[in-house]
Amino acid sequence: MAQEIAVGIDVGTYEVKVVITLASETGGKRNTRIIGTGIAESKGLRHGYIINKNEVAHSIRLAASQASKAANGYPIKRAYISIGGVGVGSFVSVGTVVIGRADLEITEEDVKESMIEAEKAIPQSISINKKIVHSIPIGYRIDGKPTLGSPEGLKGTKLESRVLFVMCLENHLNDLIEAVEDAGILVADVMASPIAGSFVTLTKTQKIAGCVLANIGSETVSIIVYENGIPISLEVFPIGSTDITNDIALGLKVPLEEAESIKRGGITGATYPRKKLDEIVSARLSDIFELIDSHLQKIGRSGMLPAGIIITGGGSGVGRIEDIARDALKLPSKIGRLEVANGGKIQDSSWSVAHGLALAGLLSEDESTLAGIGVGKIAKKIWGKFLSWVKQFLP
């Protein structure tokens, strides 16, 4: 196969990250490696929302230029981008179709029709002003009985499909696409940030057993819950590590810049009331994990995920975060790391979204049928194939 290149762009509230990944084949085995990365301070965003498209476009240009130089001048003309921020969430809906043919055999068209019916069943109060980014089937029933795997080829009179719809605010998505294109880059497709990040930070074992991946960003916390190898819920909360910085500034009466350094452990030798600092940080982290637990209670998974919580993002290194998460959620907890080999180009999980986007893009580039499929179709059309492909890189 010829070498293929795909670019992932993660537009976060704190930073814009760009990853350029190359795929090649040696001895019949497909190999991927990162050939360029770029990072720039994000400007023009608040809680993941774009408030100034020109500033966002400028940040994207800076990060893309840096990545291009690192990749020996590879020109970034199109990229796969993430959608995150407050307003991104999920809803599970059920669609039902009656099998009217004499042989009662369920076909691919029946499955598609049931997913269409599931989309129609989403309440208007949920879907208003929203754009569906991903439609992911998470379970099937034939004549009221659950079935494992694809129902195609099985027989029955009624097919029910449970579908996870990942949605975002439509104007937010449009603003993001415009900002990327204003930076001179064509948007190849869009993927929700938690899904992209989960591709490279969660193992197959964790996804099957059941886990929640929490990405603690500067102004938002995003989570995605997996069970039996598939995502069953996704949510974004309007709280982040910047809130911890603000709490430290108020509690210790220090400037914000100093509070940020204290939070990150960058100030040493200074005398601060360690007990008070721990209390400040722990209180805000407890707030974050209470929000996560409330969501897990809502979907019936509180204390019920054997692989526990995996914590990533820029706020994952703050305080006694693993212990606080374990106590608050009554679950195993650990700091996440990149589980997909990347050649040492990136070391920490804050790059997971951009890296996951680039990997998804590589598979999309390899599928000629995916050309021009439009926004949000990656996970819908190649979800199973992508997961099968990425398994070869996971422990």
Protein backbone atom coordinates (compact mmCIF):
# COMPACT_ATOMS: atom_id res chain seq x y z
CA MET A 1 0.00 0.00 0.00
CA ALA A 2 1.11 3.56 -0.54
CA GLN A 3 1.91 5.66 2.48
CA GLU A 4 -1.07 7.54 3.87
CA ILE A 5 -1.13 10.60 6.09
CA ALA A 6 -3.94 11.97 8.25
CA VAL A 7 -4.10 15.00 10.52
CA GLY A 8 -6.00 15.38 13.79
CA ILE A 9 -6.76 18.79 15.31
CA ASP A 10 -7.95 19.10 18.90
CA VAL A 11 -9.26 22.61 19.54
CA GLY A 12 -9.33 22.86 23.32
CA THR A 13 -10.11 25.82 25.54
CA TYR A 14 -6.53 25.94 26.84
CA GLU A 15 -4.51 24.69 23.87
CA VAL A 16 -4.83 23.68 20.22
CA LYS A 17 -2.98 20.45 19.46
CA VAL A 18 -2.21 19.03 16.01
CA VAL A 19 -0.95 15.52 15.27
CA ILE A 20 0.19 14.30 11.84
CA THR A 21 0.22 10.50 11.55
CA LEU A 22 1.61 8.35 8.75
CA ALA A 23 0.55 4.80 7.92
CA SER A 24 2.64 2.35 5.91
CA GLU A 25 2.76 -1.38 5.35
CA THR A 26 5.76 -3.61 5.96
CA GLY A 27 5.62 -7.35 5.42
CA GLY A 28 1.85 -7.28 5.25
CA LYS A 29 1.55 -5.47 8.58
CA ARG A 30 0.14 -1.98 8.82
CA ASN A 31 2.25 0.40 10.89
CA THR A 32 1.52 3.92 12.07
CA ARG A 33 3.78 6.60 13.45
CA ILE A 34 3.51 10.25 14.33
CA ILE A 35 5.62 12.42 12.05
CA GLY A 36 4.68 15.85 13.37
CA THR A 37 3.05 17.61 16.31
CA GLY A 38 2.13 21.21 16.98
CA ILE A 39 0.73 23.11 19.93
CA ALA A 40 -0.47 26.67 20.47
CA GLU A 41 -2.27 28.60 23.17
CA SER A 42 -6.01 28.69 22.55
CA LYS A 43 -7.64 32.06 22.31
CA GLY A 44 -11.24 32.92 21.57
CA LEU A 45 -12.92 30.05 23.45
CA ARG A 46 -14.87 29.78 26.69
CA HIS A 47 -16.00 26.43 28.12
CA GLY A 48 -15.34 25.00 24.67
CA TYR A 49 -17.53 27.56 22.91
CA ILE A 50 -16.06 29.81 20.24
CA ILE A 51 -16.51 33.45 21.16
CA ASN A 52 -14.01 34.86 18.64
CA LYS A 53 -13.52 32.89 15.42
CA ASN A 54 -10.59 35.00 14.24
CA GLU A 55 -8.60 34.29 17.39
CA VAL A 56 -9.40 30.58 17.20
CA ALA A 57 -8.35 30.45 13.53
CA HIS A 58 -5.06 32.15 14.43
CA SER A 59 -4.36 29.59 17.17
CA ILE A 60 -5.09 26.76 14.73
CA ARG A 61 -2.73 28.26 12.14
CA LEU A 62 0.09 28.50 14.70
CA ALA A 63 -0.29 24.88 15.86
CA ALA A 64 -0.67 23.58 12.30
CA SER A 65 2.41 25.47 11.12
CA GLN A 66 4.47 23.99 13.95
CA ALA A 67 3.27 20.46 13.13
CA SER A 68 3.95 20.98 9.43
CA LYS A 69 7.53 22.05 10.11
CA ALA A 70 8.07 19.03 12.36
CA ALA A 71 6.82 16.81 9.52
CA ASN A 72 9.45 18.13 7.10
CA GLY A 73 7.10 20.69 5.63
CA TYR A 74 4.10 18.43 4.99
CA PRO A 75 1.30 20.82 3.95
CA ILE A 76 -1.82 20.49 6.09
CA LYS A 77 -4.72 20.94 3.69
CA ARG A 78 -7.40 18.84 5.39
CA ALA A 79 -7.87 17.46 8.88
CA TYR A 80 -10.14 15.57 11.23
CA ILE A 81 -11.32 17.76 14.08
CA SER A 82 -12.82 17.25 17.51
CA ILE A 83 -15.99 18.75 18.91
CA GLY A 84 -16.11 19.22 22.67
CA GLY A 85 -17.23 21.72 25.23
CA VAL A 86 -20.45 22.28 27.10
CA GLY A 87 -23.40 21.36 24.91
CA VAL A 88 -21.93 18.05 23.78
CA GLY A 89 -23.86 15.12 25.21
CA SER A 90 -25.63 11.88 24.40
CA PHE A 91 -29.09 10.37 24.36
CA VAL A 92 -30.16 6.75 24.02
CA SER A 93 -33.22 6.11 21.85
CA VAL A 94 -34.99 2.97 20.65
CA GLY A 95 -36.23 2.33 17.13
CA THR A 96 -38.55 -0.52 16.14
CA VAL A 97 -39.33 -2.06 12.76
CA VAL A 98 -41.65 -4.93 11.83
CA ILE A 99 -40.22 -7.62 9.56
CA GLY A 100 -42.95 -8.15 6.99
CA ARG A 101 -41.24 -10.57 4.61
CA ALA A 102 -42.30 -14.21 4.48
CA ASP A 103 -38.84 -15.55 5.38
CA LEU A 104 -38.64 -13.18 8.44
CA GLU A 105 -34.88 -12.77 7.87
CA ILE A 106 -33.45 -9.49 9.15
CA THR A 107 -31.43 -7.56 6.57
CA GLU A 108 -29.01 -4.64 6.65
CA GLU A 109 -31.85 -2.41 5.45
CA ASP A 110 -33.97 -3.44 8.44
CA VAL A 111 -31.15 -2.45 10.79
CA LYS A 112 -30.75 0.91 9.05
CA GLU A 113 -34.50 1.51 9.20
CA SER A 114 -34.58 0.76 12.93
CA MET A 115 -31.81 3.32 13.49
CA ILE A 116 -33.78 5.89 11.51
CA GLU A 117 -36.81 5.17 13.70
CA ALA A 118 -34.64 5.58 16.80
CA GLU A 119 -33.57 9.01 15.59
CA LYS A 120 -37.20 9.97 14.96
CA ALA A 121 -38.02 8.94 18.53
CA ILE A 122 -35.64 11.50 20.08
CA PRO A 123 -37.82 14.07 21.90
CA GLN A 124 -37.79 17.53 20.34
CA SER A 125 -36.83 18.99 23.72
CA ILE A 126 -33.57 17.02 23.42
CA SER A 127 -32.84 17.52 19.72
CA ILE A 128 -33.80 21.18 19.26
CA ASN A 129 -30.83 23.26 18.02
CA LYS A 130 -28.68 20.12 18.13
CA LYS A 131 -26.68 18.30 15.46
CA ILE A 132 -26.20 14.54 15.63
CA VAL A 133 -22.47 13.88 15.39
CA HIS A 134 -22.51 10.09 15.88
CA SER A 135 -25.16 7.36 15.79
CA ILE A 136 -23.81 4.23 17.48
CA PRO A 137 -25.94 1.06 17.89
CA ILE A 138 -25.47 -0.29 21.42
CA GLY A 139 -27.95 -3.17 21.52
CA TYR A 140 -30.62 -5.12 19.65
CA ARG A 141 -33.73 -7.12 20.52
CA ILE A 142 -35.54 -9.56 18.27
CA ASP A 143 -39.13 -10.22 19.32
CA GLY A 144 -38.33 -8.75 22.73
CA LYS A 145 -35.26 -10.90 23.38
CA PRO A 146 -31.76 -9.39 23.46
CA THR A 147 -29.31 -10.62 20.85
CA LEU A 148 -25.53 -10.41 20.84
CA GLY A 149 -23.73 -8.93 17.87
CA SER A 150 -25.34 -7.99 14.59
CA PRO A 151 -28.94 -9.13 14.03
CA GLU A 152 -28.44 -9.42 10.27
CA GLY A 153 -29.30 -12.92 9.03
CA LEU A 154 -31.33 -13.81 12.12
CA LYS A 155 -35.10 -14.29 11.96
CA GLY A 156 -37.95 -12.61 13.78
CA THR A 157 -41.05 -10.49 13.41
CA LYS A 158 -39.84 -7.36 15.22
CA LEU A 159 -36.42 -5.71 15.52
CA GLU A 160 -35.59 -3.13 18.18
CA SER A 161 -32.36 -1.13 18.07
CA ARG A 162 -30.96 0.85 21.00
CA VAL A 163 -28.85 3.67 19.61
CA LEU A 164 -26.51 6.11 21.32
CA PHE A 165 -26.83 9.51 19.66
CA VAL A 166 -23.97 11.91 20.38
CA MET A 167 -25.09 15.48 19.79
CA CYS A 168 -23.75 19.01 20.00
CA LEU A 169 -25.13 22.50 19.55
CA GLU A 170 -25.42 23.12 15.82
CA ASN A 171 -24.17 26.71 15.94
CA HIS A 172 -21.14 25.59 17.98
CA LEU A 173 -20.28 22.99 15.33
CA ASN A 174 -20.73 25.49 12.50
CA ASP A 175 -18.49 28.03 14.25
CA LEU A 176 -15.79 25.41 14.78
CA ILE A 177 -15.82 24.31 11.14
CA GLU A 178 -15.67 27.93 9.98
CA ALA A 179 -12.71 28.67 12.28
CA VAL A 180 -10.75 25.68 10.96
CA GLU A 181 -11.52 26.59 7.35
CA ASP A 182 -10.59 30.23 8.05
CA ALA A 183 -7.20 28.82 9.04
CA GLY A 184 -6.92 27.41 5.51
CA ILE A 185 -7.70 23.80 6.41
CA LEU A 186 -10.57 21.75 4.98
CA VAL A 187 -12.57 19.80 7.56
CA ALA A 188 -12.56 16.15 6.48
CA ASP A 189 -14.84 15.06 9.32
CA VAL A 190 -15.75 15.65 12.95
CA MET A 191 -15.59 13.38 15.99
CA ALA A 192 -16.67 14.01 19.59
CA SER A 193 -13.58 14.60 21.74
CA PRO A 194 -14.29 11.87 24.34
CA ILE A 195 -14.68 9.23 21.61
CA ALA A 196 -11.46 10.25 19.86
CA GLY A 197 -9.54 10.27 23.13
CA SER A 198 -10.87 6.88 24.19
CA PHE A 199 -9.36 5.21 21.12
CA VAL A 200 -5.82 5.68 22.41
CA THR A 201 -6.20 5.78 26.22
CA LEU A 202 -8.44 2.80 26.95
CA THR A 203 -7.52 -0.85 26.52
CA LYS A 204 -9.83 -3.47 25.06
CA THR A 205 -10.05 -5.10 28.51
CA GLN A 206 -11.16 -1.86 30.17
CA LYS A 207 -13.82 -1.19 27.55
CA ILE A 208 -15.27 -4.68 27.80
CA ALA A 209 -15.28 -4.82 31.62
CA GLY A 210 -16.83 -1.37 31.93
CA CYS A 211 -15.14 1.94 32.71
CA VAL A 212 -15.48 5.70 32.61
CA LEU A 213 -12.85 7.87 30.94
CA ALA A 214 -12.70 11.39 32.41
CA ASN A 215 -10.78 14.14 30.63
CA ILE A 216 -10.20 17.08 32.98
CA GLY A 217 -9.58 20.12 30.82
CA SER A 218 -9.10 23.74 31.77
CA GLU A 219 -12.78 24.71 31.76
CA THR A 220 -14.64 21.46 31.11
CA VAL A 221 -14.65 17.85 32.22
CA SER A 222 -15.76 15.34 29.60
CA ILE A 223 -16.61 11.71 30.29
CA ILE A 224 -17.41 8.67 28.20
CA VAL A 225 -18.68 5.41 29.67
CA TYR A 226 -17.88 2.05 28.07
CA GLU A 227 -19.43 -1.35 28.66
CA ASN A 228 -19.06 -4.56 26.66
CA GLY A 229 -16.64 -2.78 24.37
CA ILE A 230 -18.95 0.02 23.23
CA PRO A 231 -19.73 3.54 24.50
CA ILE A 232 -23.05 3.77 26.34
CA SER A 233 -22.98 7.39 27.51
CA LEU A 234 -21.13 10.67 27.03
CA GLU A 235 -21.34 13.98 28.87
CA VAL A 236 -19.48 17.29 29.32
CA PHE A 237 -19.57 19.36 32.52
CA PRO A 238 -18.84 23.12 32.84
CA ILE A 239 -16.06 22.75 35.40
CA GLY A 240 -12.33 22.23 35.04
CA SER A 241 -8.82 22.71 36.36
CA THR A 242 -9.07 26.50 36.00
CA ASP A 243 -11.61 26.40 38.82
CA ILE A 244 -8.93 24.79 41.00
CA THR A 245 -6.52 27.61 40.08
CA ASN A 246 -9.12 30.21 41.03
CA ASP A 247 -9.81 28.46 44.34
CA ILE A 248 -6.09 28.43 45.18
CA ALA A 249 -5.77 32.13 44.31
CA LEU A 250 -8.66 33.01 46.62
CA GLY A 251 -7.73 30.60 49.39
CA LEU A 252 -4.03 31.50 49.56
CA LYS A 253 -4.46 35.14 48.48
CA VAL A 254 -1.96 34.84 45.63
CA PRO A 255 -2.06 36.06 41.98
CA LEU A 256 -3.60 33.74 39.40
CA GLU A 257 -0.26 33.08 37.70
CA GLU A 258 1.25 32.01 41.01
CA ALA A 259 -1.81 29.91 41.83
CA GLU A 260 -1.44 28.08 38.50
CA SER A 261 2.21 27.32 39.25
CA ILE A 262 1.32 26.08 42.72
CA LYS A 263 -1.36 23.82 41.26
CA ARG A 264 1.09 22.33 38.77
CA GLY A 265 3.81 21.95 41.41
CA GLY A 266 6.04 24.47 39.65
CA ILE A 267 6.78 26.53 42.76
CA THR A 268 9.09 24.94 45.28
CA GLY A 269 10.72 26.29 48.41
CA ALA A 270 7.85 28.68 49.12
CA THR A 271 5.97 28.38 52.38
CA TYR A 272 2.31 27.58 51.92
CA PRO A 273 -0.03 25.98 54.42
CA ARG A 274 0.13 22.49 52.89
CA LYS A 275 -2.94 21.32 54.75
CA LYS A 276 -4.99 24.28 53.51
CA LEU A 277 -3.77 23.80 49.94
CA ASP A 278 -4.73 20.13 50.03
CA GLU A 279 -8.17 21.04 51.37
CA ILE A 280 -8.72 23.60 48.60
CA VAL A 281 -7.72 21.23 45.82
CA SER A 282 -9.56 18.25 47.31
CA ALA A 283 -12.79 20.21 47.68
CA ARG A 284 -12.92 21.16 44.00
CA LEU A 285 -11.90 17.69 42.84
CA SER A 286 -14.66 16.25 45.01
CA ASP A 287 -17.13 18.55 43.23
CA ILE A 288 -15.95 17.19 39.89
CA PHE A 289 -16.30 13.55 40.92
CA GLU A 290 -19.71 14.19 42.48
CA LEU A 291 -20.90 15.42 39.08
CA ILE A 292 -19.49 12.30 37.46
CA ASP A 293 -21.12 10.04 40.04
CA SER A 294 -24.48 11.79 39.59
CA HIS A 295 -24.27 10.98 35.88
CA LEU A 296 -23.33 7.37 36.59
CA GLN A 297 -26.33 7.12 38.93
CA LYS A 298 -28.54 8.50 36.17
CA ILE A 299 -27.49 5.72 33.78
CA GLY A 300 -27.46 3.03 36.46
CA ARG A 301 -23.68 2.52 36.58
CA SER A 302 -22.66 4.15 39.88
CA GLY A 303 -20.15 1.86 41.57
CA MET A 304 -20.76 -0.73 38.84
CA LEU A 305 -17.78 -0.32 36.49
CA PRO A 306 -15.12 -2.97 37.23
CA ALA A 307 -12.35 -1.17 35.30
CA GLY A 308 -13.12 2.01 37.23
CA ILE A 309 -12.29 5.54 36.23
CA ILE A 310 -9.35 6.47 34.02
CA ILE A 311 -8.37 10.13 34.41
CA THR A 312 -6.69 12.12 31.63
CA GLY A 313 -6.26 15.71 30.55
CA GLY A 314 -4.24 18.64 31.82
CA GLY A 315 -5.90 18.47 35.23
CA SER A 316 -5.11 14.80 35.81
CA GLY A 317 -1.89 15.49 37.71
CA VAL A 318 -3.42 17.68 40.40
CA GLY A 319 -3.24 16.75 44.07
CA ARG A 320 -4.34 13.33 45.33
CA ILE A 321 -6.68 12.94 42.39
CA GLU A 322 -6.62 9.13 42.21
CA ASP A 323 -7.44 8.75 45.92
CA ILE A 324 -10.19 11.37 45.79
CA ALA A 325 -11.75 9.73 42.73
CA ARG A 326 -11.60 6.30 44.37
CA ASP A 327 -13.30 7.56 47.54
CA ALA A 328 -15.95 9.63 45.74
CA LEU A 329 -16.93 7.06 43.11
CA LYS A 330 -16.28 3.83 45.04
CA LEU A 331 -14.43 2.62 41.95
CA PRO A 332 -10.85 1.72 41.03
CA SER A 333 -9.04 4.78 39.71
CA LYS A 334 -5.86 5.44 37.75
CA ILE A 335 -4.19 8.15 35.72
CA GLY A 336 -4.56 7.40 32.03
CA ARG A 337 -1.72 7.03 29.58
CA LEU A 338 -1.50 6.57 25.85
CA GLU A 339 -2.09 2.89 25.11
CA VAL A 340 -1.30 3.12 21.39
CA ALA A 341 2.33 3.15 20.27
CA ASN A 342 3.30 6.55 18.85
CA GLY A 343 7.06 6.36 18.49
CA GLY A 344 7.72 8.54 21.52
CA LYS A 345 6.58 11.73 19.79
CA ILE A 346 4.00 12.41 22.50
CA GLN A 347 4.26 11.34 26.11
CA ASP A 348 1.16 12.39 28.02
CA SER A 349 -2.55 11.72 27.58
CA SER A 350 -3.41 15.37 26.95
CA TRP A 351 -2.58 14.56 23.31
CA SER A 352 -5.03 11.67 23.18
CA VAL A 353 -7.82 13.48 21.31
CA ALA A 354 -5.60 14.77 18.49
CA HIS A 355 -3.88 11.39 18.21
CA GLY A 356 -7.18 9.49 18.18
CA LEU A 357 -8.53 11.79 15.47
CA ALA A 358 -5.49 11.17 13.28
CA LEU A 359 -5.81 7.40 13.68
CA ALA A 360 -9.50 7.52 12.80
CA GLY A 361 -8.60 9.67 9.84
CA LEU A 362 -6.09 7.10 8.60
CA LEU A 363 -8.76 4.42 8.48
CA SER A 364 -11.12 6.81 6.74
CA GLU A 365 -8.45 7.62 4.15
CA ASP A 366 -8.06 3.89 3.55
CA GLU A 367 -11.77 3.50 2.78
CA SER A 368 -12.58 4.91 -0.64
CA THR A 369 -16.29 4.59 0.10
CA LEU A 370 -15.94 7.17 2.85
CA ALA A 371 -14.91 10.02 0.59
CA GLY A 372 -17.15 13.02 1.10
CA ILE A 373 -19.43 11.34 3.62
CA GLY A 374 -19.87 14.53 5.60
CA VAL A 375 -19.79 15.59 9.21
CA GLY A 376 -19.95 12.98 11.92
CA LYS A 377 -20.13 9.85 9.79
CA ILE A 378 -16.81 8.29 10.82
CA ALA A 379 -18.03 6.59 13.97
CA LYS A 380 -21.32 5.63 12.35
CA LYS A 381 -19.84 3.98 9.27
CA ILE A 382 -16.52 2.56 10.42
CA TRP A 383 -16.99 2.15 14.18
CA GLY A 384 -16.62 -1.62 14.25
CA LYS A 385 -13.90 -1.69 11.62
CA PHE A 386 -11.90 1.01 13.39
CA LEU A 387 -12.09 -0.73 16.75
CA SER A 388 -10.98 -4.00 15.14
CA TRP A 389 -8.06 -2.27 13.47
CA VAL A 390 -6.91 -0.34 16.55
CA LYS A 391 -6.98 -3.51 18.71
CA GLN A 392 -3.67 -4.58 17.17
CA PHE A 393 -2.00 -1.65 18.95
CA LEU A 394 -3.60 -2.28 22.36
CA PRO A 395 -2.33 -4.51 25.16
